[in-house]
Amino acid sequence: MDEMLEKENRRLHLLHVCLRLFVRQGYEGTTTRDITREADISTGLLFHYFPTKSAVLDEIARISCNGILPINRLLKSGQPPLILFETISQRIFASFHDPFYTHLFLMANQIKTIGSIPASSKSILATYDNISDSLPPIIQGQHVGQIRKGNPNALALAFWGSIQGIAESVVWYPEIPIPDPDWVV
């Protein structure tokens, strides 16, 4: 049993190392040599856990879905719009206290937006579009007076862009406190 736990811990360590490198250097800019050097393992051991670099990215995309899915469900939950966006920002900001989740948030965006990312990883996250999924509650919130008037797409972009920018800043400036999540709402 200890051997299985050790293997799983090593696999998780590799995922953490790869995620950190992919965010800081880009997927294309990270070599398997970078990964093995940072993780202090042999190339053979890396390929024992993940047959290719893109297989690592696919696993990171799957893990990202585990974080995106609850947010996506919230967006479709029918909660009052203001409470909904407060809840989303609170949950995301709470996760930013763990660098793994901050990196994961950033990597999910890179997977979706960078053209050179392998199609297999893109397809894992393809069904999630926070901007489009935010439009119905924004429009509802505008209708009931909870959300300011303005272009719903622009408001969704402002909300998600603020969170994205804060996530990037948390990675590059970890000594600065994470802002109050209600500030972006």
Foldseek 3Di string as FASTA:
>chain_A
DVVVVVVVVLLVLLLLLLLLCCLVQNLVRDDLVNSCVSSVHDSVVVCVNPVDSLSSLLVLLLVLCVVVVVLLCLLVVPDQLLVSQLVVLVVLLVVLVDLSSLSSVLSNVCLCPPPVRDPSSNVSCVVDDQLVSNQVNQVVCVVVVNHDDDDSSVLSCQLVVVSNVLSVCCSVPVVDDRDNSSVSD
